[in-house]
Amino acid sequence: MKSIVLDDGIEYLIYDTEMIDDKIYTLFVNIADDSDICFRKTITKNNEEFFVGLDDDTEFEKVLLHFTKKILN
């Protein structure tokens, strides 16, 4: 799996990526602590892709539910 250091300075594995409501979301798992996960949304600016935080709790809950269902099935 590919890893990346996010803006919090922590190295994460890119665990999974999914398209949800026409947006790309990625699930990251902390390399040092697999109980620490985070989600980021992919945006494109000037033909470059960036991982950004989610907008609000509603978006977070939608993404969490989607990945949870996928992992548990």
N, C-alpha and C. Protein backbone atom coordinates (compact mmCIF):
# COMPACT_ATOMS: atom_id res chain seq x y z
N MET A 1 0.85 -1.20 0.00
CA MET A 1 0.00 0.00 0.00
C MET A 1 0.88 1.25 0.00
N LYS A 2 0.36 2.27 -0.60
CA LYS A 2 1.06 3.55 -0.66
C LYS A 2 0.85 4.32 0.65
N SER A 3 1.86 5.07 1.06
CA SER A 3 1.72 5.88 2.26
C SER A 3 1.94 7.35 1.91
N ILE A 4 1.47 8.20 2.83
CA ILE A 4 1.57 9.65 2.64
C ILE A 4 1.61 10.31 4.02
N VAL A 5 2.32 11.42 4.12
CA VAL A 5 2.31 12.22 5.34
C VAL A 5 1.29 13.33 5.12
N LEU A 6 0.28 13.36 5.98
CA LEU A 6 -0.77 14.38 5.85
C LEU A 6 -0.39 15.65 6.59
N ASP A 7 -1.25 16.63 6.54
CA ASP A 7 -0.96 17.94 7.11
C ASP A 7 -0.77 17.93 8.62
N ASP A 8 -1.15 16.83 9.30
CA ASP A 8 -0.92 16.73 10.74
C ASP A 8 0.47 16.18 11.06
N GLY A 9 1.27 15.90 10.00
CA GLY A 9 2.64 15.41 10.18
C GLY A 9 2.74 13.91 10.43
N ILE A 10 1.62 13.20 10.36
CA ILE A 10 1.58 11.77 10.64
C ILE A 10 1.56 11.00 9.31
N GLU A 11 2.29 9.89 9.27
CA GLU A 11 2.32 9.06 8.07
C GLU A 11 1.15 8.08 8.10
N TYR A 12 0.41 8.05 7.01
CA TYR A 12 -0.76 7.19 6.89
C TYR A 12 -0.63 6.29 5.67
N LEU A 13 -1.22 5.11 5.76
CA LEU A 13 -1.41 4.26 4.59
C LEU A 13 -2.70 4.67 3.90
N ILE A 14 -2.68 4.66 2.59
CA ILE A 14 -3.91 4.87 1.83
C ILE A 14 -4.61 3.53 1.78
N TYR A 15 -5.66 3.38 2.59
CA TYR A 15 -6.33 2.09 2.75
C TYR A 15 -7.36 1.82 1.64
N ASP A 16 -8.14 2.84 1.31
CA ASP A 16 -9.19 2.65 0.32
C ASP A 16 -9.63 4.01 -0.22
N THR A 17 -10.12 4.00 -1.45
CA THR A 17 -10.65 5.20 -2.09
C THR A 17 -11.99 4.84 -2.72
N GLU A 18 -12.97 5.72 -2.55
CA GLU A 18 -14.32 5.48 -3.05
C GLU A 18 -14.91 6.76 -3.63
N MET A 19 -15.74 6.58 -4.66
CA MET A 19 -16.53 7.67 -5.21
C MET A 19 -17.87 7.67 -4.49
N ILE A 20 -18.20 8.79 -3.86
CA ILE A 20 -19.46 8.93 -3.14
C ILE A 20 -20.09 10.25 -3.58
N ASP A 21 -21.27 10.19 -4.14
CA ASP A 21 -21.97 11.39 -4.62
C ASP A 21 -21.07 12.25 -5.52
N ASP A 22 -20.41 11.61 -6.47
CA ASP A 22 -19.56 12.27 -7.45
C ASP A 22 -18.33 12.96 -6.86
N LYS A 23 -17.93 12.56 -5.67
CA LYS A 23 -16.70 13.07 -5.05
C LYS A 23 -15.84 11.88 -4.65
N ILE A 24 -14.53 12.06 -4.71
CA ILE A 24 -13.60 10.99 -4.36
C ILE A 24 -13.17 11.18 -2.90
N TYR A 25 -13.35 10.12 -2.10
CA TYR A 25 -12.95 10.12 -0.70
C TYR A 25 -11.94 9.01 -0.45
N THR A 26 -10.99 9.28 0.44
CA THR A 26 -9.96 8.30 0.76
C THR A 26 -9.96 8.04 2.26
N LEU A 27 -9.82 6.76 2.60
CA LEU A 27 -9.67 6.33 4.00
C LEU A 27 -8.19 6.10 4.25
N PHE A 28 -7.65 6.78 5.25
CA PHE A 28 -6.25 6.66 5.64
C PHE A 28 -6.16 5.97 7.00
N VAL A 29 -5.11 5.15 7.17
CA VAL A 29 -4.85 4.49 8.45
C VAL A 29 -3.45 4.87 8.90
N ASN A 30 -3.33 5.34 10.13
CA ASN A 30 -2.05 5.72 10.72
C ASN A 30 -1.13 4.50 10.75
N ILE A 31 0.08 4.64 10.22
CA ILE A 31 1.03 3.53 10.18
C ILE A 31 1.41 3.07 11.58
N ALA A 32 1.57 4.00 12.51
CA ALA A 32 2.01 3.67 13.87
C ALA A 32 0.88 3.22 14.78
N ASP A 33 -0.36 3.53 14.41
CA ASP A 33 -1.51 3.22 15.27
C ASP A 33 -2.73 2.95 14.39
N ASP A 34 -2.99 1.67 14.11
CA ASP A 34 -4.06 1.34 13.16
C ASP A 34 -5.47 1.62 13.69
N SER A 35 -5.57 2.07 14.94
CA SER A 35 -6.88 2.50 15.44
C SER A 35 -7.15 3.97 15.09
N ASP A 36 -6.14 4.65 14.56
CA ASP A 36 -6.25 6.06 14.16
C ASP A 36 -6.49 6.12 12.66
N ILE A 37 -7.69 6.51 12.27
CA ILE A 37 -8.02 6.63 10.86
C ILE A 37 -8.48 8.06 10.57
N CYS A 38 -8.46 8.41 9.30
CA CYS A 38 -9.04 9.70 8.91
C CYS A 38 -9.51 9.60 7.47
N PHE A 39 -10.39 10.51 7.11
CA PHE A 39 -10.93 10.59 5.76
C PHE A 39 -10.52 11.93 5.16
N ARG A 40 -10.27 11.91 3.87
CA ARG A 40 -10.01 13.14 3.13
C ARG A 40 -10.77 13.06 1.81
N LYS A 41 -11.08 14.23 1.30
CA LYS A 41 -11.75 14.37 0.01
C LYS A 41 -10.68 14.82 -0.99
N THR A 42 -10.78 14.35 -2.24
CA THR A 42 -9.83 14.75 -3.28
C THR A 42 -10.42 15.89 -4.08
N ILE A 43 -9.65 16.96 -4.21
CA ILE A 43 -10.05 18.07 -5.08
C ILE A 43 -8.96 18.26 -6.12
N THR A 44 -9.32 18.84 -7.25
CA THR A 44 -8.36 19.11 -8.31
C THR A 44 -8.29 20.61 -8.55
N LYS A 45 -7.06 21.15 -8.50
CA LYS A 45 -6.81 22.56 -8.80
C LYS A 45 -5.62 22.62 -9.73
N ASN A 46 -5.78 23.33 -10.83
CA ASN A 46 -4.70 23.47 -11.81
C ASN A 46 -4.11 22.12 -12.21
N ASN A 47 -4.99 21.16 -12.43
CA ASN A 47 -4.61 19.81 -12.85
C ASN A 47 -3.80 19.04 -11.81
N GLU A 48 -3.81 19.48 -10.56
CA GLU A 48 -3.16 18.76 -9.47
C GLU A 48 -4.21 18.31 -8.48
N GLU A 49 -4.04 17.09 -7.95
CA GLU A 49 -4.98 16.57 -6.96
C GLU A 49 -4.45 16.83 -5.56
N PHE A 50 -5.38 17.21 -4.67
CA PHE A 50 -5.05 17.48 -3.28
C PHE A 50 -6.04 16.76 -2.37
N PHE A 51 -5.57 16.31 -1.22
CA PHE A 51 -6.44 15.77 -0.19
C PHE A 51 -6.81 16.90 0.75
N VAL A 52 -8.11 17.08 0.99
CA VAL A 52 -8.58 18.13 1.90
C VAL A 52 -9.53 17.52 2.91
N GLY A 53 -9.69 18.20 4.03
CA GLY A 53 -10.61 17.74 5.07
C GLY A 53 -12.06 17.81 4.60
N LEU A 54 -12.91 17.13 5.33
CA LEU A 54 -14.33 17.14 5.02
C LEU A 54 -14.96 18.44 5.52
N ASP A 55 -16.07 18.83 4.90
CA ASP A 55 -16.67 20.13 5.17
C ASP A 55 -17.36 20.24 6.53
N ASP A 56 -18.03 19.15 6.94
CA ASP A 56 -18.81 19.25 8.18
C ASP A 56 -19.14 17.85 8.70
N ASP A 57 -19.84 17.81 9.83
CA ASP A 57 -20.21 16.53 10.46
C ASP A 57 -21.12 15.69 9.58
N THR A 58 -21.99 16.33 8.82
CA THR A 58 -22.90 15.60 7.94
C THR A 58 -22.11 14.84 6.87
N GLU A 59 -21.15 15.52 6.27
CA GLU A 59 -20.32 14.86 5.26
C GLU A 59 -19.50 13.73 5.89
N PHE A 60 -18.94 13.98 7.07
CA PHE A 60 -18.17 12.96 7.77
C PHE A 60 -19.02 11.72 8.04
N GLU A 61 -20.23 11.92 8.54
CA GLU A 61 -21.10 10.78 8.86
C GLU A 61 -21.47 9.99 7.60
N LYS A 62 -21.71 10.68 6.49
CA LYS A 62 -22.03 10.02 5.23
C LYS A 62 -20.86 9.15 4.77
N VAL A 63 -19.66 9.70 4.82
CA VAL A 63 -18.46 8.97 4.37
C VAL A 63 -18.15 7.82 5.32
N LEU A 64 -18.26 8.05 6.61
CA LEU A 64 -18.03 7.00 7.59
C LEU A 64 -18.99 5.84 7.39
N LEU A 65 -20.25 6.13 7.19
CA LEU A 65 -21.26 5.09 6.97
C LEU A 65 -20.96 4.30 5.70
N HIS A 66 -20.59 4.98 4.64
CA HIS A 66 -20.28 4.31 3.38
C HIS A 66 -19.11 3.33 3.55
N PHE A 67 -18.01 3.80 4.13
CA PHE A 67 -16.83 2.94 4.29
C PHE A 67 -17.11 1.81 5.28
N THR A 68 -17.86 2.09 6.33
CA THR A 68 -18.20 1.05 7.31
C THR A 68 -19.00 -0.06 6.66
N LYS A 69 -19.99 0.30 5.87
CA LYS A 69 -20.79 -0.72 5.17
C LYS A 69 -19.92 -1.53 4.23
N LYS A 70 -19.03 -0.88 3.52
CA LYS A 70 -18.16 -1.58 2.58
C LYS A 70 -17.24 -2.56 3.30
N ILE A 71 -16.65 -2.13 4.39
CA ILE A 71 -15.71 -2.97 5.13
C ILE A 71 -16.42 -4.15 5.78
N LEU A 72 -17.62 -3.94 6.30
CA LEU A 72 -18.35 -4.99 7.00
C LEU A 72 -19.02 -5.99 6.06
N ASN A 73 -19.18 -5.64 4.80
CA ASN A 73 -19.82 -6.56 3.85
C ASN A 73 -18.84 -7.42 3.12
